[in-house]
Amino acid sequence: MCDITQMPKRLLFTVAAAKQRARLDAAVRARIDGKLEALAETGQGDVRRLKGRDGARLRVGDWRVIFTETPDAILVVAVGHRRDIYD
């Protein structure tokens, strides 16, 4: 029997997304980081494809993470509150 395990994907941030993430409260940042790590390791999370533009969003309470995905990495494009992120 073969055990094929999925390799975790690398998490990459654009410069803008890294600045947005750095401005967040430490507790919110920790929640978002936990959900991103779970997504990278298991591929599971509250994810939906975006309509009208490329990418997907990860929902973390009232916060959203906009990202694109490749076979070996997750590129975070934006991090913000749900009322502001889709502008």
C-alpha atoms as a PDB file:
ATOM      1  CA  MET A   1       0.000   0.000   0.000  1.00  0.00           C
ATOM      2  CA  CYS A   2       1.306   3.447  -0.921  1.00  0.00           C
ATOM      3  CA  ASP A   3       0.835   6.434   1.316  1.00  0.00           C
ATOM      4  CA  ILE A   4       0.741   9.544  -0.811  1.00  0.00           C
ATOM      5  CA  THR A   5       0.806  12.643   1.341  1.00  0.00           C
ATOM      6  CA  GLN A   6       0.144  16.084   0.016  1.00  0.00           C
ATOM      7  CA  MET A   7       3.039  18.471   0.388  1.00  0.00           C
ATOM      8  CA  PRO A   8       2.017  21.763   1.963  1.00  0.00           C
ATOM      9  CA  LYS A   9       1.965  24.716  -0.391  1.00  0.00           C
ATOM     10  CA  ARG A  10       4.198  27.715   0.177  1.00  0.00           C
ATOM     11  CA  LEU A  11       2.514  30.920   1.322  1.00  0.00           C
ATOM     12  CA  LEU A  12       3.668  33.993  -0.579  1.00  0.00           C
ATOM     13  CA  PHE A  13       2.495  37.589  -0.074  1.00  0.00           C
ATOM     14  CA  THR A  14       2.590  40.522  -2.456  1.00  0.00           C
ATOM     15  CA  VAL A  15       4.152  43.672  -0.986  1.00  0.00           C
ATOM     16  CA  ALA A  16       0.704  45.276  -0.671  1.00  0.00           C
ATOM     17  CA  ALA A  17      -0.781  42.214   1.065  1.00  0.00           C
ATOM     18  CA  ALA A  18       2.163  42.033   3.478  1.00  0.00           C
ATOM     19  CA  LYS A  19       1.599  45.691   4.447  1.00  0.00           C
ATOM     20  CA  GLN A  20      -2.138  45.123   4.893  1.00  0.00           C
ATOM     21  CA  ARG A  21      -1.457  42.061   7.069  1.00  0.00           C
ATOM     22  CA  ALA A  22       1.102  43.955   9.178  1.00  0.00           C
ATOM     23  CA  ARG A  23      -1.461  46.675   9.980  1.00  0.00           C
ATOM     24  CA  LEU A  24      -3.926  44.184  11.471  1.00  0.00           C
ATOM     25  CA  ASP A  25      -4.424  43.637  15.181  1.00  0.00           C
ATOM     26  CA  ALA A  26      -2.251  40.764  16.474  1.00  0.00           C
ATOM     27  CA  ALA A  27      -5.252  38.571  17.358  1.00  0.00           C
ATOM     28  CA  VAL A  28      -6.823  38.995  13.909  1.00  0.00           C
ATOM     29  CA  ARG A  29      -3.474  38.382  12.229  1.00  0.00           C
ATOM     30  CA  ALA A  30      -3.045  35.150  14.222  1.00  0.00           C
ATOM     31  CA  ARG A  31      -6.522  33.911  13.188  1.00  0.00           C
ATOM     32  CA  ILE A  32      -5.832  34.689   9.530  1.00  0.00           C
ATOM     33  CA  ASP A  33      -2.393  33.049   9.673  1.00  0.00           C
ATOM     34  CA  GLY A  34      -3.920  29.908  11.182  1.00  0.00           C
ATOM     35  CA  LYS A  35      -6.523  29.653   8.423  1.00  0.00           C
ATOM     36  CA  LEU A  36      -3.906  30.293   5.728  1.00  0.00           C
ATOM     37  CA  GLU A  37      -1.631  27.596   7.142  1.00  0.00           C
ATOM     38  CA  ALA A  38      -4.550  25.140   7.255  1.00  0.00           C
ATOM     39  CA  LEU A  39      -5.380  25.988   3.635  1.00  0.00           C
ATOM     40  CA  ALA A  40      -1.755  25.470   2.587  1.00  0.00           C
ATOM     41  CA  GLU A  41      -1.486  22.118   4.395  1.00  0.00           C
ATOM     42  CA  THR A  42      -4.882  20.552   3.714  1.00  0.00           C
ATOM     43  CA  GLY A  43      -6.481  22.624   0.968  1.00  0.00           C
ATOM     44  CA  GLN A  44      -9.533  23.128   3.175  1.00  0.00           C
ATOM     45  CA  GLY A  45     -11.140  26.363   4.279  1.00  0.00           C
ATOM     46  CA  ASP A  46     -14.077  28.642   3.541  1.00  0.00           C
ATOM     47  CA  VAL A  47     -12.918  29.372  -0.012  1.00  0.00           C
ATOM     48  CA  ARG A  48     -14.932  30.622  -2.964  1.00  0.00           C
ATOM     49  CA  ARG A  49     -13.836  31.556  -6.464  1.00  0.00           C
ATOM     50  CA  LEU A  50     -14.223  35.230  -7.294  1.00  0.00           C
ATOM     51  CA  LYS A  51     -16.623  36.413  -9.968  1.00  0.00           C
ATOM     52  CA  GLY A  52     -15.423  39.031 -12.417  1.00  0.00           C
ATOM     53  CA  ARG A  53     -11.731  38.668 -11.576  1.00  0.00           C
ATOM     54  CA  ASP A  54      -9.101  35.985 -11.138  1.00  0.00           C
ATOM     55  CA  GLY A  55      -8.483  34.307  -7.829  1.00  0.00           C
ATOM     56  CA  ALA A  56     -10.396  33.189  -4.796  1.00  0.00           C
ATOM     57  CA  ARG A  57     -11.204  34.437  -1.339  1.00  0.00           C
ATOM     58  CA  LEU A  58     -10.692  32.849   2.059  1.00  0.00           C
ATOM     59  CA  ARG A  59     -13.242  33.890   4.684  1.00  0.00           C
ATOM     60  CA  VAL A  60     -12.022  34.336   8.278  1.00  0.00           C
ATOM     61  CA  GLY A  61     -14.975  35.823  10.165  1.00  0.00           C
ATOM     62  CA  ASP A  62     -15.400  39.403   8.912  1.00  0.00           C
ATOM     63  CA  TRP A  63     -11.969  39.317   7.270  1.00  0.00           C
ATOM     64  CA  ARG A  64     -11.128  38.216   3.738  1.00  0.00           C
ATOM     65  CA  VAL A  65      -7.937  37.019   2.098  1.00  0.00           C
ATOM     66  CA  ILE A  66      -7.813  37.321  -1.699  1.00  0.00           C
ATOM     67  CA  PHE A  67      -5.369  34.890  -3.289  1.00  0.00           C
ATOM     68  CA  THR A  68      -4.377  32.983  -6.393  1.00  0.00           C
ATOM     69  CA  GLU A  69      -3.217  29.405  -6.332  1.00  0.00           C
ATOM     70  CA  THR A  70      -0.613  27.442  -8.248  1.00  0.00           C
ATOM     71  CA  PRO A  71       0.193  23.743  -7.847  1.00  0.00           C
ATOM     72  CA  ASP A  72       2.936  24.518  -5.298  1.00  0.00           C
ATOM     73  CA  ALA A  73       2.078  27.933  -3.803  1.00  0.00           C
ATOM     74  CA  ILE A  74      -0.650  30.268  -2.572  1.00  0.00           C
ATOM     75  CA  LEU A  75      -0.052  33.910  -3.491  1.00  0.00           C
ATOM     76  CA  VAL A  76      -1.911  36.280  -1.161  1.00  0.00           C
ATOM     77  CA  VAL A  77      -2.881  39.408  -3.075  1.00  0.00           C
ATOM     78  CA  ALA A  78      -4.946  41.298  -0.472  1.00  0.00           C
ATOM     79  CA  VAL A  79      -5.996  41.061   3.188  1.00  0.00           C
ATOM     80  CA  GLY A  80      -8.761  43.185   4.677  1.00  0.00           C
ATOM     81  CA  HIS A  81     -12.194  43.628   6.193  1.00  0.00           C
ATOM     82  CA  ARG A  82     -15.095  42.365   4.118  1.00  0.00           C
ATOM     83  CA  ARG A  83     -16.538  45.861   3.638  1.00  0.00           C
ATOM     84  CA  ASP A  84     -13.291  47.154   2.068  1.00  0.00           C
ATOM     85  CA  ILE A  85     -11.611  44.206   0.346  1.00  0.00           C
ATOM     86  CA  TYR A  86     -13.681  44.030  -2.859  1.00  0.00           C
ATOM     87  CA  ASP A  87     -13.222  47.697  -3.908  1.00  0.00           C
END
